[in-house]
Amino acid sequence: MNKKKVNRFTFDSRIDYGLILPAFMLILIGLYALYVAVSH
């Protein structure tokens, strides 16, 4: 029972990383684009 719970938790963490990483990259690119647009 405990083993299944741990596996499920790890699986959920993997899904979160898959969603957060690309979103974080997009936010970084968006902020950089905003900075460039404002500075020029």
Protein backbone atom coordinates (compact mmCIF):
# COMPACT_ATOMS: atom_id res chain seq x y z
CA MET A 1 0.00 0.00 0.00
CA ASN A 2 2.73 2.46 0.98
CA LYS A 3 4.76 1.61 -2.12
CA LYS A 4 1.82 2.43 -4.43
CA LYS A 5 1.28 5.77 -2.67
CA VAL A 6 4.95 6.73 -3.10
CA ASN A 7 4.91 5.78 -6.80
CA ARG A 8 1.77 7.84 -7.39
CA PHE A 9 3.32 10.84 -5.61
CA THR A 10 6.47 10.58 -7.75
CA PHE A 11 4.31 10.35 -10.89
CA ASP A 12 2.40 13.49 -9.86
CA SER A 13 5.68 15.34 -9.26
CA ARG A 14 6.88 14.37 -12.74
CA ILE A 15 3.71 15.76 -14.32
CA ASP A 16 4.13 19.02 -12.37
CA TYR A 17 7.72 19.41 -13.62
CA GLY A 18 6.54 18.80 -17.19
CA LEU A 19 4.03 21.65 -16.86
CA ILE A 20 6.07 24.10 -14.76
CA LEU A 21 9.32 23.99 -16.76
CA PRO A 22 7.89 25.04 -20.18
CA ALA A 23 5.65 27.62 -18.48
CA PHE A 24 8.65 29.06 -16.62
CA MET A 25 10.62 29.27 -19.87
CA LEU A 26 7.73 31.09 -21.58
CA ILE A 27 7.48 33.55 -18.68
CA LEU A 28 11.23 34.24 -18.86
CA ILE A 29 11.03 34.85 -22.62
CA GLY A 30 7.98 37.09 -22.15
CA LEU A 31 9.71 39.17 -19.48
CA TYR A 32 12.83 39.51 -21.66
CA ALA A 33 10.70 40.60 -24.63
CA LEU A 34 8.92 43.15 -22.44
CA TYR A 35 12.26 44.49 -21.16
CA VAL A 36 13.58 44.86 -24.72
CA ALA A 37 10.37 46.58 -25.89
CA VAL A 38 10.43 49.04 -22.97
CA SER A 39 14.17 49.82 -23.16
CA HIS A 40 13.92 50.65 -26.90
